[in-house]
Amino acid sequence: FFLMTKMAAAFHSQAQILQTSSANSSETNAPKSETTNNT
């Protein structure tokens, strides 16, 4: 039970990290693209 609970928490945490990373990557890529173009 504890192992499954930890695994579930780990999967949930990883999912949040991936989701945040994806969002940040999208936001970062957009300005970088504009900055590159502007530069």
All heavy atoms as atom14 arrays in JSON, in Angstrom:
{
  "sequence": "FFLMTKMAAAFHSQAQILQTSSANSSETNAPKSETTNNT",
  "atom14_mask": [
    [1, 1, 1, 1, 1, 1, 1, 1, 1, 1, 1, 0, 0, 0],
    [1, 1, 1, 1, 1, 1, 1, 1, 1, 1, 1, 0, 0, 0],
    [1, 1, 1, 1, 1, 1, 1, 1, 0, 0, 0, 0, 0, 0],
    [1, 1, 1, 1, 1, 1, 1, 1, 0, 0, 0, 0, 0, 0],
    [1, 1, 1, 1, 1, 1, 1, 0, 0, 0, 0, 0, 0, 0],
    [1, 1, 1, 1, 1, 1, 1, 1, 1, 0, 0, 0, 0, 0],
    [1, 1, 1, 1, 1, 1, 1, 1, 0, 0, 0, 0, 0, 0],
    [1, 1, 1, 1, 1, 0, 0, 0, 0, 0, 0, 0, 0, 0],
    [1, 1, 1, 1, 1, 0, 0, 0, 0, 0, 0, 0, 0, 0],
    [1, 1, 1, 1, 1, 0, 0, 0, 0, 0, 0, 0, 0, 0],
    [1, 1, 1, 1, 1, 1, 1, 1, 1, 1, 1, 0, 0, 0],
    [1, 1, 1, 1, 1, 1, 1, 1, 1, 1, 0, 0, 0, 0],
    [1, 1, 1, 1, 1, 1, 0, 0, 0, 0, 0, 0, 0, 0],
    [1, 1, 1, 1, 1, 1, 1, 1, 1, 0, 0, 0, 0, 0],
    [1, 1, 1, 1, 1, 0, 0, 0, 0, 0, 0, 0, 0, 0],
    [1, 1, 1, 1, 1, 1, 1, 1, 1, 0, 0, 0, 0, 0],
    [1, 1, 1, 1, 1, 1, 1, 1, 0, 0, 0, 0, 0, 0],
    [1, 1, 1, 1, 1, 1, 1, 1, 0, 0, 0, 0, 0, 0],
    [1, 1, 1, 1, 1, 1, 1, 1, 1, 0, 0, 0, 0, 0],
    [1, 1, 1, 1, 1, 1, 1, 0, 0, 0, 0, 0, 0, 0],
    [1, 1, 1, 1, 1, 1, 0, 0, 0, 0, 0, 0, 0, 0],
    [1, 1, 1, 1, 1, 1, 0, 0, 0, 0, 0, 0, 0, 0],
    [1, 1, 1, 1, 1, 0, 0, 0, 0, 0, 0, 0, 0, 0],
    [1, 1, 1, 1, 1, 1, 1, 1, 0, 0, 0, 0, 0, 0],
    [1, 1, 1, 1, 1, 1, 0, 0, 0, 0, 0, 0, 0, 0],
    [1, 1, 1, 1, 1, 1, 0, 0, 0, 0, 0, 0, 0, 0],
    [1, 1, 1, 1, 1, 1, 1, 1, 1, 0, 0, 0, 0, 0],
    [1, 1, 1, 1, 1, 1, 1, 0, 0, 0, 0, 0, 0, 0],
    [1, 1, 1, 1, 1, 1, 1, 1, 0, 0, 0, 0, 0, 0],
    [1, 1, 1, 1, 1, 0, 0, 0, 0, 0, 0, 0, 0, 0],
    [1, 1, 1, 1, 1, 1, 1, 0, 0, 0, 0, 0, 0, 0],
    [1, 1, 1, 1, 1, 1, 1, 1, 1, 0, 0, 0, 0, 0],
    [1, 1, 1, 1, 1, 1, 0, 0, 0, 0, 0, 0, 0, 0],
    [1, 1, 1, 1, 1, 1, 1, 1, 1, 0, 0, 0, 0, 0],
    [1, 1, 1, 1, 1, 1, 1, 0, 0, 0, 0, 0, 0, 0],
    [1, 1, 1, 1, 1, 1, 1, 0, 0, 0, 0, 0, 0, 0],
    [1, 1, 1, 1, 1, 1, 1, 1, 0, 0, 0, 0, 0, 0],
    [1, 1, 1, 1, 1, 1, 1, 1, 0, 0, 0, 0, 0, 0],
    [1, 1, 1, 1, 1, 1, 1, 0, 0, 0, 0, 0, 0, 0]
  ],
  "atom14_positions": [
    [[0.84, -1.2, 0.0], [0.0, 0.0, 0.0], [0.88, 1.26, 0.0], [0.67, 2.18, -0.8], [-0.92, -0.02, 1.23], [-1.72, 1.24, 1.38], [-2.83, 1.48, 0.58], [-1.35, 2.22, 2.3], [-3.55, 2.64, 0.73], [-2.06, 3.39, 2.43], [-3.18, 3.6, 1.64], [0.0, 0.0, 0.0], [0.0, 0.0, 0.0], [0.0, 0.0, 0.0]],
    [[1.86, 1.25, 0.94], [2.75, 2.42, 0.99], [3.55, 2.58, -0.31], [3.78, 3.68, -0.8], [3.69, 2.31, 2.2], [3.04, 2.61, 3.5], [2.93, 1.65, 4.5], [2.5, 3.88, 3.74], [2.32, 1.93, 5.71], [1.9, 4.17, 4.97], [1.8, 3.19, 5.95], [0.0, 0.0, 0.0], [0.0, 0.0, 0.0], [0.0, 0.0, 0.0]],
    [[3.99, 1.44, -0.85], [4.75, 1.49, -2.1], [3.91, 2.05, -3.24], [4.36, 2.91, -4.01], [5.26, 0.09, -2.43], [6.08, -0.04, -3.72], [7.34, 0.81, -3.63], [6.45, -1.51, -3.97], [0.0, 0.0, 0.0], [0.0, 0.0, 0.0], [0.0, 0.0, 0.0], [0.0, 0.0, 0.0], [0.0, 0.0, 0.0], [0.0, 0.0, 0.0]],
    [[2.69, 1.59, -3.33], [1.8, 2.07, -4.38], [1.45, 3.55, -4.18], [1.36, 4.32, -5.14], [0.52, 1.22, -4.41], [0.75, -0.22, -4.86], [-0.75, -1.2, -4.9], [-1.63, -0.39, -6.22], [0.0, 0.0, 0.0], [0.0, 0.0, 0.0], [0.0, 0.0, 0.0], [0.0, 0.0, 0.0], [0.0, 0.0, 0.0], [0.0, 0.0, 0.0]],
    [[1.29, 3.92, -2.88], [0.99, 5.34, -2.6], [2.14, 6.23, -3.03], [1.98, 7.28, -3.66], [0.74, 5.54, -1.1], [-0.36, 4.72, -0.72], [0.43, 6.99, -0.79], [0.0, 0.0, 0.0], [0.0, 0.0, 0.0], [0.0, 0.0, 0.0], [0.0, 0.0, 0.0], [0.0, 0.0, 0.0], [0.0, 0.0, 0.0], [0.0, 0.0, 0.0]],
    [[3.37, 5.79, -2.71], [4.54, 6.58, -3.09], [4.71, 6.63, -4.6], [5.06, 7.66, -5.17], [5.8, 5.99, -2.44], [5.89, 6.24, -0.95], [7.2, 5.73, -0.4], [7.31, 6.04, 1.09], [8.6, 5.59, 1.65], [0.0, 0.0, 0.0], [0.0, 0.0, 0.0], [0.0, 0.0, 0.0], [0.0, 0.0, 0.0], [0.0, 0.0, 0.0]],
    [[4.44, 5.48, -5.22], [4.55, 5.45, -6.68], [3.53, 6.38, -7.33], [3.84, 7.12, -8.28], [4.37, 4.02, -7.19], [5.55, 3.1, -6.87], [5.27, 1.4, -7.44], [5.2, 1.68, -9.2], [0.0, 0.0, 0.0], [0.0, 0.0, 0.0], [0.0, 0.0, 0.0], [0.0, 0.0, 0.0], [0.0, 0.0, 0.0], [0.0, 0.0, 0.0]],
    [[2.34, 6.39, -6.79], [1.29, 7.27, -7.32], [1.68, 8.73, -7.13], [1.5, 9.57, -8.02], [-0.04, 6.97, -6.63], [0.0, 0.0, 0.0], [0.0, 0.0, 0.0], [0.0, 0.0, 0.0], [0.0, 0.0, 0.0], [0.0, 0.0, 0.0], [0.0, 0.0, 0.0], [0.0, 0.0, 0.0], [0.0, 0.0, 0.0], [0.0, 0.0, 0.0]],
    [[2.21, 9.03, -5.94], [2.63, 10.42, -5.67], [3.77, 10.82, -6.6], [3.83, 11.95, -7.09], [3.06, 10.55, -4.21], [0.0, 0.0, 0.0], [0.0, 0.0, 0.0], [0.0, 0.0, 0.0], [0.0, 0.0, 0.0], [0.0, 0.0, 0.0], [0.0, 0.0, 0.0], [0.0, 0.0, 0.0], [0.0, 0.0, 0.0], [0.0, 0.0, 0.0]],
    [[4.68, 9.85, -6.81], [5.82, 10.15, -7.69], [5.35, 10.41, -9.11], [5.8, 11.34, -9.78], [6.82, 9.01, -7.66], [0.0, 0.0, 0.0], [0.0, 0.0, 0.0], [0.0, 0.0, 0.0], [0.0, 0.0, 0.0], [0.0, 0.0, 0.0], [0.0, 0.0, 0.0], [0.0, 0.0, 0.0], [0.0, 0.0, 0.0], [0.0, 0.0, 0.0]],
    [[4.43, 9.56, -9.58], [3.89, 9.75, -10.93], [3.16, 11.08, -11.05], [3.27, 11.8, -12.05], [2.95, 8.59, -11.29], [3.67, 7.34, -11.71], [3.45, 6.14, -11.06], [4.59, 7.38, -12.76], [4.11, 4.99, -11.46], [5.25, 6.23, -13.15], [5.0, 5.02, -12.49], [0.0, 0.0, 0.0], [0.0, 0.0, 0.0], [0.0, 0.0, 0.0]],
    [[2.41, 11.42, -10.01], [1.67, 12.69, -10.02], [2.63, 13.88, -10.05], [2.43, 14.85, -10.79], [0.77, 12.76, -8.78], [-0.03, 14.03, -8.71], [-1.06, 14.31, -9.59], [0.06, 15.09, -7.86], [-1.57, 15.48, -9.3], [-0.9, 15.98, -8.25], [0.0, 0.0, 0.0], [0.0, 0.0, 0.0], [0.0, 0.0, 0.0], [0.0, 0.0, 0.0]],
    [[3.68, 13.77, -9.2], [4.67, 14.86, -9.16], [5.38, 14.99, -10.5], [5.6, 16.09, -11.0], [5.67, 14.58, -8.05], [6.69, 15.56, -8.05], [0.0, 0.0, 0.0], [0.0, 0.0, 0.0], [0.0, 0.0, 0.0], [0.0, 0.0, 0.0], [0.0, 0.0, 0.0], [0.0, 0.0, 0.0], [0.0, 0.0, 0.0], [0.0, 0.0, 0.0]],
    [[5.73, 13.83, -11.09], [6.4, 13.88, -12.38], [5.52, 14.48, -13.46], [5.97, 15.24, -14.32], [6.83, 12.45, -12.77], [7.66, 12.38, -14.05], [9.0, 13.04, -13.88], [9.52, 13.13, -12.77], [9.56, 13.53, -14.98], [0.0, 0.0, 0.0], [0.0, 0.0, 0.0], [0.0, 0.0, 0.0], [0.0, 0.0, 0.0], [0.0, 0.0, 0.0]],
    [[4.25, 14.15, -13.38], [3.3, 14.7, -14.36], [3.21, 16.21, -14.24], [3.16, 16.94, -15.25], [1.92, 14.06, -14.15], [0.0, 0.0, 0.0], [0.0, 0.0, 0.0], [0.0, 0.0, 0.0], [0.0, 0.0, 0.0], [0.0, 0.0, 0.0], [0.0, 0.0, 0.0], [0.0, 0.0, 0.0], [0.0, 0.0, 0.0], [0.0, 0.0, 0.0]],
    [[3.19, 16.71, -12.98], [3.14, 18.15, -12.78], [4.41, 18.82, -13.31], [4.36, 19.89, -13.92], [2.97, 18.46, -11.29], [1.58, 18.18, -10.76], [1.45, 18.6, -9.31], [2.44, 18.58, -8.57], [0.25, 18.98, -8.92], [0.0, 0.0, 0.0], [0.0, 0.0, 0.0], [0.0, 0.0, 0.0], [0.0, 0.0, 0.0], [0.0, 0.0, 0.0]],
    [[5.56, 18.17, -13.05], [6.83, 18.74, -13.53], [6.83, 18.8, -15.04], [7.22, 19.8, -15.65], [8.01, 17.89, -13.02], [8.16, 18.04, -11.51], [9.31, 18.28, -13.74], [9.17, 17.1, -10.89], [0.0, 0.0, 0.0], [0.0, 0.0, 0.0], [0.0, 0.0, 0.0], [0.0, 0.0, 0.0], [0.0, 0.0, 0.0], [0.0, 0.0, 0.0]],
    [[6.39, 17.72, -15.66], [6.36, 17.69, -17.13], [5.42, 18.74, -17.68], [5.71, 19.42, -18.69], [5.96, 16.3, -17.61], [6.99, 15.2, -17.38], [6.41, 13.84, -17.77], [8.25, 15.48, -18.19], [0.0, 0.0, 0.0], [0.0, 0.0, 0.0], [0.0, 0.0, 0.0], [0.0, 0.0, 0.0], [0.0, 0.0, 0.0], [0.0, 0.0, 0.0]],
    [[4.27, 18.88, -17.01], [3.29, 19.88, -17.45], [3.84, 21.28, -17.32], [3.73, 22.11, -18.22], [2.01, 19.72, -16.64], [0.88, 20.65, -17.13], [-0.39, 20.43, -16.34], [-0.43, 19.61, -15.42], [-1.44, 21.15, -16.7], [0.0, 0.0, 0.0], [0.0, 0.0, 0.0], [0.0, 0.0, 0.0], [0.0, 0.0, 0.0], [0.0, 0.0, 0.0]],
    [[4.5, 21.56, -16.15], [5.08, 22.89, -15.93], [6.21, 23.16, -16.91], [6.33, 24.24, -17.47], [5.62, 23.0, -14.5], [4.54, 22.74, -13.58], [6.21, 24.38, -14.24], [0.0, 0.0, 0.0], [0.0, 0.0, 0.0], [0.0, 0.0, 0.0], [0.0, 0.0, 0.0], [0.0, 0.0, 0.0], [0.0, 0.0, 0.0], [0.0, 0.0, 0.0]],
    [[7.04, 22.12, -17.11], [8.16, 22.27, -18.03], [7.69, 22.55, -19.44], [8.22, 23.38, -20.15], [9.03, 21.01, -18.01], [10.05, 21.09, -18.96], [0.0, 0.0, 0.0], [0.0, 0.0, 0.0], [0.0, 0.0, 0.0], [0.0, 0.0, 0.0], [0.0, 0.0, 0.0], [0.0, 0.0, 0.0], [0.0, 0.0, 0.0], [0.0, 0.0, 0.0]],
    [[6.6, 21.84, -19.8], [6.05, 22.06, -21.14], [5.53, 23.47, -21.3], [5.74, 24.12, -22.31], [4.94, 21.04, -21.4], [4.33, 21.28, -22.65], [0.0, 0.0, 0.0], [0.0, 0.0, 0.0], [0.0, 0.0, 0.0], [0.0, 0.0, 0.0], [0.0, 0.0, 0.0], [0.0, 0.0, 0.0], [0.0, 0.0, 0.0], [0.0, 0.0, 0.0]],
    [[4.83, 23.96, -20.25], [4.28, 25.32, -20.3], [5.4, 26.34, -20.37], [5.36, 27.29, -21.16], [3.4, 25.57, -19.07], [0.0, 0.0, 0.0], [0.0, 0.0, 0.0], [0.0, 0.0, 0.0], [0.0, 0.0, 0.0], [0.0, 0.0, 0.0], [0.0, 0.0, 0.0], [0.0, 0.0, 0.0], [0.0, 0.0, 0.0], [0.0, 0.0, 0.0]],
    [[6.43, 26.15, -19.52], [7.55, 27.1, -19.53], [8.28, 27.08, -20.86], [8.73, 28.1, -21.36], [8.53, 26.77, -18.41], [7.97, 27.08, -17.03], [7.02, 27.87, -16.94], [8.53, 26.48, -16.0], [0.0, 0.0, 0.0], [0.0, 0.0, 0.0], [0.0, 0.0, 0.0], [0.0, 0.0, 0.0], [0.0, 0.0, 0.0], [0.0, 0.0, 0.0]],
    [[8.4, 25.85, -21.39], [9.09, 25.74, -22.68], [8.34, 26.49, -23.76], [8.93, 27.17, -24.59], [9.23, 24.27, -23.05], [9.81, 24.13, -24.32], [0.0, 0.0, 0.0], [0.0, 0.0, 0.0], [0.0, 0.0, 0.0], [0.0, 0.0, 0.0], [0.0, 0.0, 0.0], [0.0, 0.0, 0.0], [0.0, 0.0, 0.0], [0.0, 0.0, 0.0]],
    [[7.02, 26.4, -23.72], [6.22, 27.1, -24.73], [6.37, 28.6, -24.58], [6.52, 29.34, -25.55], [4.74, 26.71, -24.58], [4.58, 25.32, -24.78], [0.0, 0.0, 0.0], [0.0, 0.0, 0.0], [0.0, 0.0, 0.0], [0.0, 0.0, 0.0], [0.0, 0.0, 0.0], [0.0, 0.0, 0.0], [0.0, 0.0, 0.0], [0.0, 0.0, 0.0]],
    [[6.32, 29.06, -23.3], [6.44, 30.5, -23.06], [7.83, 31.0, -23.44], [7.98, 32.06, -24.01], [6.17, 30.82, -21.58], [4.71, 30.57, -21.19], [4.52, 30.78, -19.7], [5.53, 31.09, -19.02], [3.39, 30.63, -19.21], [0.0, 0.0, 0.0], [0.0, 0.0, 0.0], [0.0, 0.0, 0.0], [0.0, 0.0, 0.0], [0.0, 0.0, 0.0]],
    [[8.83, 30.17, -23.08], [10.2, 30.6, -23.36], [10.48, 30.62, -24.84], [11.12, 31.51, -25.36], [11.19, 29.65, -22.66], [10.91, 29.63, -21.28], [12.63, 30.12, -22.91], [0.0, 0.0, 0.0], [0.0, 0.0, 0.0], [0.0, 0.0, 0.0], [0.0, 0.0, 0.0], [0.0, 0.0, 0.0], [0.0, 0.0, 0.0], [0.0, 0.0, 0.0]],
    [[9.97, 29.62, -25.52], [10.22, 29.54, -26.95], [9.61, 30.7, -27.7], [10.18, 31.2, -28.65], [9.67, 28.24, -27.52], [10.52, 27.04, -27.11], [11.68, 27.22, -26.76], [9.95, 25.84, -27.14], [0.0, 0.0, 0.0], [0.0, 0.0, 0.0], [0.0, 0.0, 0.0], [0.0, 0.0, 0.0], [0.0, 0.0, 0.0], [0.0, 0.0, 0.0]],
    [[8.44, 31.12, -27.26], [7.78, 32.23, -27.97], [8.61, 33.5, -27.89], [8.93, 34.09, -28.91], [6.38, 32.46, -27.4], [0.0, 0.0, 0.0], [0.0, 0.0, 0.0], [0.0, 0.0, 0.0], [0.0, 0.0, 0.0], [0.0, 0.0, 0.0], [0.0, 0.0, 0.0], [0.0, 0.0, 0.0], [0.0, 0.0, 0.0], [0.0, 0.0, 0.0]],
    [[9.03, 33.97, -26.7], [9.86, 35.17, -26.64], [11.2, 34.99, -27.35], [11.69, 35.89, -27.98], [10.07, 35.41, -25.15], [8.93, 34.73, -24.49], [8.62, 33.55, -25.35], [0.0, 0.0, 0.0], [0.0, 0.0, 0.0], [0.0, 0.0, 0.0], [0.0, 0.0, 0.0], [0.0, 0.0, 0.0], [0.0, 0.0, 0.0], [0.0, 0.0, 0.0]],
    [[11.76, 33.75, -27.22], [13.05, 33.56, -27.87], [12.91, 33.72, -29.36], [13.75, 34.3, -30.03], [13.6, 32.17, -27.55], [14.28, 32.09, -26.21], [14.93, 30.74, -26.03], [15.66, 30.69, -24.7], [16.27, 29.4, -24.45], [0.0, 0.0, 0.0], [0.0, 0.0, 0.0], [0.0, 0.0, 0.0], [0.0, 0.0, 0.0], [0.0, 0.0, 0.0]],
    [[11.82, 33.2, -29.88], [11.6, 33.34, -31.3], [11.47, 34.79, -31.69], [12.04, 35.25, -32.67], [10.32, 32.57, -31.68], [10.03, 32.76, -33.03], [0.0, 0.0, 0.0], [0.0, 0.0, 0.0], [0.0, 0.0, 0.0], [0.0, 0.0, 0.0], [0.0, 0.0, 0.0], [0.0, 0.0, 0.0], [0.0, 0.0, 0.0], [0.0, 0.0, 0.0]],
    [[10.72, 35.56, -30.85], [10.56, 36.98, -31.14], [11.89, 37.7, -30.98], [12.23, 38.54, -31.79], [9.53, 37.59, -30.18], [8.12, 37.08, -30.44], [7.15, 37.63, -29.41], [7.58, 38.44, -28.57], [5.98, 37.26, -29.45], [0.0, 0.0, 0.0], [0.0, 0.0, 0.0], [0.0, 0.0, 0.0], [0.0, 0.0, 0.0], [0.0, 0.0, 0.0]],
    [[12.63, 37.34, -29.9], [13.91, 38.0, -29.66], [14.87, 37.73, -30.8], [15.55, 38.61, -31.29], [14.53, 37.51, -28.34], [13.63, 37.79, -27.28], [15.87, 38.18, -28.07], [0.0, 0.0, 0.0], [0.0, 0.0, 0.0], [0.0, 0.0, 0.0], [0.0, 0.0, 0.0], [0.0, 0.0, 0.0], [0.0, 0.0, 0.0], [0.0, 0.0, 0.0]],
    [[14.89, 36.46, -31.23], [15.77, 36.11, -32.34], [15.41, 36.88, -33.57], [16.25, 37.44, -34.26], [15.69, 34.6, -32.62], [16.03, 33.89, -31.43], [16.62, 34.22, -33.75], [0.0, 0.0, 0.0], [0.0, 0.0, 0.0], [0.0, 0.0, 0.0], [0.0, 0.0, 0.0], [0.0, 0.0, 0.0], [0.0, 0.0, 0.0], [0.0, 0.0, 0.0]],
    [[14.11, 36.94, -33.84], [13.66, 37.67, -35.02], [13.99, 39.14, -34.91], [14.44, 39.77, -35.86], [12.16, 37.49, -35.22], [11.81, 36.06, -35.63], [12.67, 35.35, -36.14], [10.57, 35.65, -35.37], [0.0, 0.0, 0.0], [0.0, 0.0, 0.0], [0.0, 0.0, 0.0], [0.0, 0.0, 0.0], [0.0, 0.0, 0.0], [0.0, 0.0, 0.0]],
    [[13.71, 39.69, -33.68], [13.99, 41.11, -33.5], [15.47, 41.39, -33.63], [15.88, 42.36, -34.25], [13.5, 41.58, -32.12], [11.99, 41.62, -32.05], [11.32, 41.67, -33.08], [11.45, 41.61, -30.83], [0.0, 0.0, 0.0], [0.0, 0.0, 0.0], [0.0, 0.0, 0.0], [0.0, 0.0, 0.0], [0.0, 0.0, 0.0], [0.0, 0.0, 0.0]],
    [[16.27, 40.48, -33.0], [17.71, 40.68, -33.08], [18.18, 40.61, -34.51], [18.98, 41.39, -34.97], [18.43, 39.62, -32.23], [17.98, 39.72, -30.89], [19.94, 39.81, -32.28], [0.0, 0.0, 0.0], [0.0, 0.0, 0.0], [0.0, 0.0, 0.0], [0.0, 0.0, 0.0], [0.0, 0.0, 0.0], [0.0, 0.0, 0.0], [0.0, 0.0, 0.0]]
  ]
}
